[in-house]
PDB file of all heavy atoms in Angstrom:
ATOM      1  N   GLN A   1     123.159 186.128 188.766  1.00  0.00           N
ATOM      2  CA  GLN A   1     122.927 185.556 190.116  1.00  0.00           C
ATOM      3  C   GLN A   1     122.240 184.236 189.982  1.00  0.00           C
ATOM      4  O   GLN A   1     121.184 184.107 189.354  1.00  0.00           O
ATOM      5  CB  GLN A   1     122.119 186.540 190.934  1.00  0.00           C
ATOM      6  CG  GLN A   1     121.919 186.039 192.374  1.00  0.00           C
ATOM      7  CD  GLN A   1     121.066 187.078 193.182  1.00  0.00           C
ATOM      8  OE1 GLN A   1     120.428 187.912 192.562  1.00  0.00           O
ATOM      9  NE2 GLN A   1     121.084 187.005 194.480  1.00  0.00           N
ATOM     10  N   LYS A   2     122.813 183.220 190.608  1.00  0.00           N
ATOM     11  CA  LYS A   2     122.219 181.870 190.539  1.00  0.00           C
ATOM     12  C   LYS A   2     121.055 181.783 191.515  1.00  0.00           C
ATOM     13  O   LYS A   2     121.105 182.277 192.615  1.00  0.00           O
ATOM     14  CB  LYS A   2     123.260 180.826 190.864  1.00  0.00           C
ATOM     15  CG  LYS A   2     124.430 180.752 189.880  1.00  0.00           C
ATOM     16  CD  LYS A   2     125.402 179.682 190.223  1.00  0.00           C
ATOM     17  CE  LYS A   2     126.517 179.627 189.205  1.00  0.00           C
ATOM     18  NZ  LYS A   2     127.554 178.552 189.529  1.00  0.00           N
ATOM     19  N   GLY A   3     120.062 181.167 191.060  1.00  0.00           N
ATOM     20  CA  GLY A   3     118.868 180.867 191.952  1.00  0.00           C
ATOM     21  C   GLY A   3     117.977 182.073 192.071  1.00  0.00           C
ATOM     22  O   GLY A   3     117.159 182.161 193.047  1.00  0.00           O
ATOM     23  N   ALA A   4     118.107 183.109 191.270  1.00  0.00           N
ATOM     24  CA  ALA A   4     117.269 184.324 191.347  1.00  0.00           C
ATOM     25  C   ALA A   4     115.838 184.067 190.884  1.00  0.00           C
ATOM     26  O   ALA A   4     114.898 184.779 191.281  1.00  0.00           O
ATOM     27  CB  ALA A   4     117.870 185.446 190.499  1.00  0.00           C
ATOM     28  N   GLY A   5     115.660 182.991 190.110  1.00  0.00           N
ATOM     29  CA  GLY A   5     114.273 182.658 189.667  1.00  0.00           C
ATOM     30  C   GLY A   5     113.913 182.915 188.287  1.00  0.00           C
ATOM     31  O   GLY A   5     112.987 182.328 187.722  1.00  0.00           O
ATOM     32  N   TRP A   6     114.640 183.799 187.569  1.00  0.00           N
ATOM     33  CA  TRP A   6     114.356 184.118 186.217  1.00  0.00           C
ATOM     34  C   TRP A   6     114.817 183.019 185.301  1.00  0.00           C
ATOM     35  O   TRP A   6     115.879 182.432 185.433  1.00  0.00           O
ATOM     36  CB  TRP A   6     115.042 185.443 185.810  1.00  0.00           C
ATOM     37  CG  TRP A   6     114.553 186.616 186.608  1.00  0.00           C
ATOM     38  CD1 TRP A   6     115.255 187.187 187.621  1.00  0.00           C
ATOM     39  CD2 TRP A   6     113.358 187.325 186.440  1.00  0.00           C
ATOM     40  NE1 TRP A   6     114.536 188.237 188.112  1.00  0.00           N
ATOM     41  CE2 TRP A   6     113.362 188.348 187.448  1.00  0.00           C
ATOM     42  CE3 TRP A   6     112.263 187.174 185.643  1.00  0.00           C
ATOM     43  CZ2 TRP A   6     112.295 189.197 187.570  1.00  0.00           C
ATOM     44  CZ3 TRP A   6     111.186 188.069 185.770  1.00  0.00           C
ATOM     45  CH2 TRP A   6     111.218 189.073 186.738  1.00  0.00           C
ATOM     46  N   ALA A   7     113.949 182.693 184.299  1.00  0.00           N
ATOM     47  CA  ALA A   7     114.355 181.677 183.312  1.00  0.00           C
ATOM     48  C   ALA A   7     115.530 182.162 182.529  1.00  0.00           C
ATOM     49  O   ALA A   7     116.511 181.420 182.258  1.00  0.00           O
ATOM     50  CB  ALA A   7     113.172 181.337 182.404  1.00  0.00           C
ATOM     51  N   ARG A   8     115.472 183.463 182.066  1.00  0.00           N
ATOM     52  CA  ARG A   8     116.571 184.065 181.403  1.00  0.00           C
ATOM     53  C   ARG A   8     116.435 185.552 181.438  1.00  0.00           C
ATOM     54  O   ARG A   8     115.270 186.023 181.506  1.00  0.00           O
ATOM     55  CB  ARG A   8     116.665 183.586 179.948  1.00  0.00           C
ATOM     56  CG  ARG A   8     117.967 184.003 179.239  1.00  0.00           C
ATOM     57  CD  ARG A   8     118.111 183.349 177.881  1.00  0.00           C
ATOM     58  NE  ARG A   8     119.393 183.752 177.298  1.00  0.00           N
ATOM     59  CZ  ARG A   8     119.771 183.446 176.063  1.00  0.00           C
ATOM     60  NH1 ARG A   8     118.990 182.701 175.309  1.00  0.00           N
ATOM     61  NH2 ARG A   8     120.965 183.866 175.605  1.00  0.00           N
ATOM     62  N   VAL A   9     117.502 186.256 181.382  1.00  0.00           N
ATOM     63  CA  VAL A   9     117.508 187.732 181.360  1.00  0.00           C
ATOM     64  C   VAL A   9     117.979 188.212 179.978  1.00  0.00           C
ATOM     65  O   VAL A   9     119.142 187.893 179.604  1.00  0.00           O
ATOM     66  CB  VAL A   9     118.363 188.273 182.495  1.00  0.00           C
ATOM     67  CG1 VAL A   9     118.340 189.847 182.526  1.00  0.00           C
ATOM     68  CG2 VAL A   9     117.865 187.794 183.883  1.00  0.00           C
ATOM     69  N   HIS A  10     117.153 188.963 179.344  1.00  0.00           N
ATOM     70  CA  HIS A  10     117.528 189.554 178.069  1.00  0.00           C
ATOM     71  C   HIS A  10     117.684 191.052 178.217  1.00  0.00           C
ATOM     72  O   HIS A  10     116.844 191.713 178.892  1.00  0.00           O
ATOM     73  CB  HIS A  10     116.450 189.271 176.971  1.00  0.00           C
ATOM     74  CG  HIS A  10     116.165 187.822 176.811  1.00  0.00           C
ATOM     75  ND1 HIS A  10     116.846 187.021 175.883  1.00  0.00           N
ATOM     76  CD2 HIS A  10     115.243 187.015 177.410  1.00  0.00           C
ATOM     77  CE1 HIS A  10     116.350 185.789 175.940  1.00  0.00           C
ATOM     78  NE2 HIS A  10     115.375 185.773 176.811  1.00  0.00           N
ATOM     79  N   ALA A  11     118.697 191.610 177.619  1.00  0.00           N
ATOM     80  CA  ALA A  11     118.985 193.048 177.753  1.00  0.00           C
ATOM     81  C   ALA A  11     119.153 193.699 176.379  1.00  0.00           C
ATOM     82  O   ALA A  11     119.817 193.132 175.536  1.00  0.00           O
ATOM     83  CB  ALA A  11     120.214 193.289 178.591  1.00  0.00           C
ATOM     84  N   PHE A  12     118.482 194.810 176.244  1.00  0.00           N
ATOM     85  CA  PHE A  12     118.565 195.615 174.993  1.00  0.00           C
ATOM     86  C   PHE A  12     118.866 197.031 175.341  1.00  0.00           C
ATOM     87  O   PHE A  12     118.352 197.552 176.348  1.00  0.00           O
ATOM     88  CB  PHE A  12     117.322 195.476 174.127  1.00  0.00           C
ATOM     89  CG  PHE A  12     116.978 194.131 173.673  1.00  0.00           C
ATOM     90  CD1 PHE A  12     116.360 193.223 174.486  1.00  0.00           C
ATOM     91  CD2 PHE A  12     117.330 193.733 172.350  1.00  0.00           C
ATOM     92  CE1 PHE A  12     116.032 191.971 174.070  1.00  0.00           C
ATOM     93  CE2 PHE A  12     117.029 192.438 171.951  1.00  0.00           C
ATOM     94  CZ  PHE A  12     116.370 191.533 172.731  1.00  0.00           C
ATOM     95  N   THR A  13     119.665 197.742 174.556  1.00  0.00           N
ATOM     96  CA  THR A  13     119.888 199.181 174.682  1.00  0.00           C
ATOM     97  C   THR A  13     119.360 199.903 173.483  1.00  0.00           C
ATOM     98  O   THR A  13     119.314 199.303 172.357  1.00  0.00           O
ATOM     99  CB  THR A  13     121.376 199.521 174.882  1.00  0.00           C
ATOM    100  OG1 THR A  13     122.093 199.053 173.690  1.00  0.00           O
ATOM    101  CG2 THR A  13     121.871 198.841 176.120  1.00  0.00           C
ATOM    102  N   PHE A  14     118.876 201.116 173.656  1.00  0.00           N
ATOM    103  CA  PHE A  14     118.365 201.876 172.522  1.00  0.00           C
ATOM    104  C   PHE A  14     118.638 203.366 172.749  1.00  0.00           C
ATOM    105  O   PHE A  14     118.627 203.818 173.813  1.00  0.00           O
ATOM    106  CB  PHE A  14     116.897 201.617 172.289  1.00  0.00           C
ATOM    107  CG  PHE A  14     115.937 202.093 173.404  1.00  0.00           C
ATOM    108  CD1 PHE A  14     115.476 203.395 173.344  1.00  0.00           C
ATOM    109  CD2 PHE A  14     115.674 201.306 174.500  1.00  0.00           C
ATOM    110  CE1 PHE A  14     114.647 203.814 174.344  1.00  0.00           C
ATOM    111  CE2 PHE A  14     114.865 201.753 175.466  1.00  0.00           C
ATOM    112  CZ  PHE A  14     114.331 203.019 175.435  1.00  0.00           C
ATOM    113  N   GLY A  15     118.914 203.996 171.653  1.00  0.00           N
ATOM    114  CA  GLY A  15     119.054 205.430 171.608  1.00  0.00           C
ATOM    115  C   GLY A  15     118.456 205.900 170.288  1.00  0.00           C
ATOM    116  O   GLY A  15     117.300 206.288 170.192  1.00  0.00           O
ATOM    117  N   THR A  16     119.344 205.789 169.243  1.00  0.00           N
ATOM    118  CA  THR A  16     118.818 205.947 167.874  1.00  0.00           C
ATOM    119  C   THR A  16     118.611 204.630 167.159  1.00  0.00           C
ATOM    120  O   THR A  16     118.085 204.624 166.082  1.00  0.00           O
ATOM    121  CB  THR A  16     119.826 206.806 167.107  1.00  0.00           C
ATOM    122  OG1 THR A  16     121.111 206.179 167.124  1.00  0.00           O
ATOM    123  CG2 THR A  16     119.921 208.183 167.689  1.00  0.00           C
ATOM    124  N   ARG A  17     119.097 203.519 167.775  1.00  0.00           N
ATOM    125  CA  ARG A  17     118.839 202.205 167.204  1.00  0.00           C
ATOM    126  C   ARG A  17     118.876 201.183 168.326  1.00  0.00           C
ATOM    127  O   ARG A  17     119.348 201.437 169.425  1.00  0.00           O
ATOM    128  CB  ARG A  17     119.905 201.843 166.180  1.00  0.00           C
ATOM    129  CG  ARG A  17     121.344 201.671 166.757  1.00  0.00           C
ATOM    130  CD  ARG A  17     122.264 201.296 165.663  1.00  0.00           C
ATOM    131  NE  ARG A  17     123.618 200.960 166.200  1.00  0.00           N
ATOM    132  CZ  ARG A  17     124.649 200.524 165.428  1.00  0.00           C
ATOM    133  NH1 ARG A  17     124.472 200.363 164.144  1.00  0.00           N
ATOM    134  NH2 ARG A  17     125.785 200.272 165.994  1.00  0.00           N
ATOM    135  N   LEU A  18     118.324 199.979 168.053  1.00  0.00           N
ATOM    136  CA  LEU A  18     118.206 198.886 169.056  1.00  0.00           C
ATOM    137  C   LEU A  18     119.395 198.007 169.006  1.00  0.00           C
ATOM    138  O   LEU A  18     119.881 197.603 167.899  1.00  0.00           O
ATOM    139  CB  LEU A  18     116.958 198.115 168.797  1.00  0.00           C
ATOM    140  CG  LEU A  18     116.597 197.045 169.830  1.00  0.00           C
ATOM    141  CD1 LEU A  18     116.130 197.665 171.165  1.00  0.00           C
ATOM    142  CD2 LEU A  18     115.474 196.123 169.284  1.00  0.00           C
ATOM    143  N   THR A  19     119.994 197.676 170.101  1.00  0.00           N
ATOM    144  CA  THR A  19     121.146 196.760 170.256  1.00  0.00           C
ATOM    145  C   THR A  19     120.880 195.695 171.285  1.00  0.00           C
ATOM    146  O   THR A  19     120.494 196.019 172.403  1.00  0.00           O
ATOM    147  CB  THR A  19     122.381 197.538 170.614  1.00  0.00           C
ATOM    148  OG1 THR A  19     122.571 198.598 169.628  1.00  0.00           O
ATOM    149  CG2 THR A  19     123.622 196.616 170.550  1.00  0.00           C
ATOM    150  N   ASN A  20     121.148 194.419 170.931  1.00  0.00           N
ATOM    151  CA  ASN A  20     121.012 193.297 171.848  1.00  0.00           C
ATOM    152  C   ASN A  20     122.321 193.066 172.578  1.00  0.00           C
ATOM    153  O   ASN A  20     123.322 192.777 171.890  1.00  0.00           O
ATOM    154  CB  ASN A  20     120.551 192.053 171.116  1.00  0.00           C
ATOM    155  CG  ASN A  20     120.254 190.908 172.026  1.00  0.00           C
ATOM    156  OD1 ASN A  20     120.380 191.013 173.220  1.00  0.00           O
ATOM    157  ND2 ASN A  20     119.764 189.807 171.459  1.00  0.00           N
ATOM    158  N   ILE A  21     122.360 193.223 173.849  1.00  0.00           N
ATOM    159  CA  ILE A  21     123.613 193.068 174.610  1.00  0.00           C
ATOM    160  C   ILE A  21     123.498 191.910 175.613  1.00  0.00           C
ATOM    161  O   ILE A  21     124.262 191.845 176.584  1.00  0.00           O
ATOM    162  CB  ILE A  21     123.992 194.355 175.391  1.00  0.00           C
ATOM    163  CG1 ILE A  21     122.879 194.756 176.400  1.00  0.00           C
ATOM    164  CG2 ILE A  21     124.253 195.493 174.390  1.00  0.00           C
ATOM    165  CD1 ILE A  21     123.285 195.856 177.332  1.00  0.00           C
ATOM    166  N   THR A  22     122.600 190.979 175.387  1.00  0.00           N
ATOM    167  CA  THR A  22     122.424 189.855 176.247  1.00  0.00           C
ATOM    168  C   THR A  22     123.607 189.045 176.456  1.00  0.00           C
ATOM    169  O   THR A  22     124.025 188.676 177.619  1.00  0.00           O
ATOM    170  CB  THR A  22     121.195 188.973 175.765  1.00  0.00           C
ATOM    171  OG1 THR A  22     120.019 189.798 175.625  1.00  0.00           O
ATOM    172  CG2 THR A  22     120.936 187.867 176.754  1.00  0.00           C
ATOM    173  N   ARG A  23     124.250 188.639 175.420  1.00  0.00           N
ATOM    174  CA  ARG A  23     125.473 187.776 175.551  1.00  0.00           C
ATOM    175  C   ARG A  23     126.582 188.463 176.155  1.00  0.00           C
ATOM    176  O   ARG A  23     127.465 187.834 176.773  1.00  0.00           O
ATOM    177  CB  ARG A  23     125.842 187.300 174.102  1.00  0.00           C
ATOM    178  CG  ARG A  23     126.261 188.359 173.159  1.00  0.00           C
ATOM    179  CD  ARG A  23     126.519 187.855 171.778  1.00  0.00           C
ATOM    180  NE  ARG A  23     126.854 188.798 170.751  1.00  0.00           N
ATOM    181  CZ  ARG A  23     128.180 189.109 170.527  1.00  0.00           C
ATOM    182  NH1 ARG A  23     129.129 188.551 171.232  1.00  0.00           N
ATOM    183  NH2 ARG A  23     128.433 190.048 169.638  1.00  0.00           N
ATOM    184  N   HIS A  24     126.683 189.798 176.135  1.00  0.00           N
ATOM    185  CA  HIS A  24     127.743 190.514 176.780  1.00  0.00           C
ATOM    186  C   HIS A  24     127.534 190.507 178.268  1.00  0.00           C
ATOM    187  O   HIS A  24     128.615 190.431 179.022  1.00  0.00           O
ATOM    188  CB  HIS A  24     127.837 191.918 176.260  1.00  0.00           C
ATOM    189  CG  HIS A  24     128.092 192.054 174.781  1.00  0.00           C
ATOM    190  ND1 HIS A  24     129.207 191.465 174.151  1.00  0.00           N
ATOM    191  CD2 HIS A  24     127.400 192.586 173.796  1.00  0.00           C
ATOM    192  CE1 HIS A  24     129.166 191.663 172.880  1.00  0.00           C
ATOM    193  NE2 HIS A  24     128.127 192.377 172.589  1.00  0.00           N
ATOM    194  N   LEU A  25     126.288 190.596 178.793  1.00  0.00           N
ATOM    195  CA  LEU A  25     126.068 190.602 180.161  1.00  0.00           C
ATOM    196  C   LEU A  25     126.299 189.258 180.808  1.00  0.00           C
ATOM    197  O   LEU A  25     126.287 189.123 182.013  1.00  0.00           O
ATOM    198  CB  LEU A  25     124.673 191.090 180.483  1.00  0.00           C
ATOM    199  CG  LEU A  25     124.363 192.530 180.210  1.00  0.00           C
ATOM    200  CD1 LEU A  25     122.926 192.925 180.639  1.00  0.00           C
ATOM    201  CD2 LEU A  25     125.383 193.476 180.841  1.00  0.00           C
ATOM    202  N   ALA A  26     126.450 188.187 180.008  1.00  0.00           N
ATOM    203  CA  ALA A  26     126.705 186.869 180.548  1.00  0.00           C
ATOM    204  C   ALA A  26     128.129 186.713 181.086  1.00  0.00           C
ATOM    205  O   ALA A  26     128.430 185.761 181.843  1.00  0.00           O
ATOM    206  CB  ALA A  26     126.471 185.819 179.447  1.00  0.00           C
ATOM    207  N   GLN A  27     129.030 187.657 180.800  1.00  0.00           N
ATOM    208  CA  GLN A  27     130.336 187.645 181.288  1.00  0.00           C
ATOM    209  C   GLN A  27     130.328 187.906 182.797  1.00  0.00           C
ATOM    210  O   GLN A  27     129.589 188.782 183.306  1.00  0.00           O
ATOM    211  CB  GLN A  27     131.307 188.623 180.618  1.00  0.00           C
ATOM    212  CG  GLN A  27     131.397 188.432 179.127  1.00  0.00           C
ATOM    213  CD  GLN A  27     132.320 189.414 178.472  1.00  0.00           C
ATOM    214  OE1 GLN A  27     133.367 189.730 179.036  1.00  0.00           O
ATOM    215  NE2 GLN A  27     131.983 189.898 177.324  1.00  0.00           N
TER     216      GLN A  27
END
């Protein structure tokens, strides 16, 4: 969303290990 105010949104998932999915949510 443009103009929401956040400098950047970073997203991580975890269960048994940590995964960075930030670049996937940019689609």
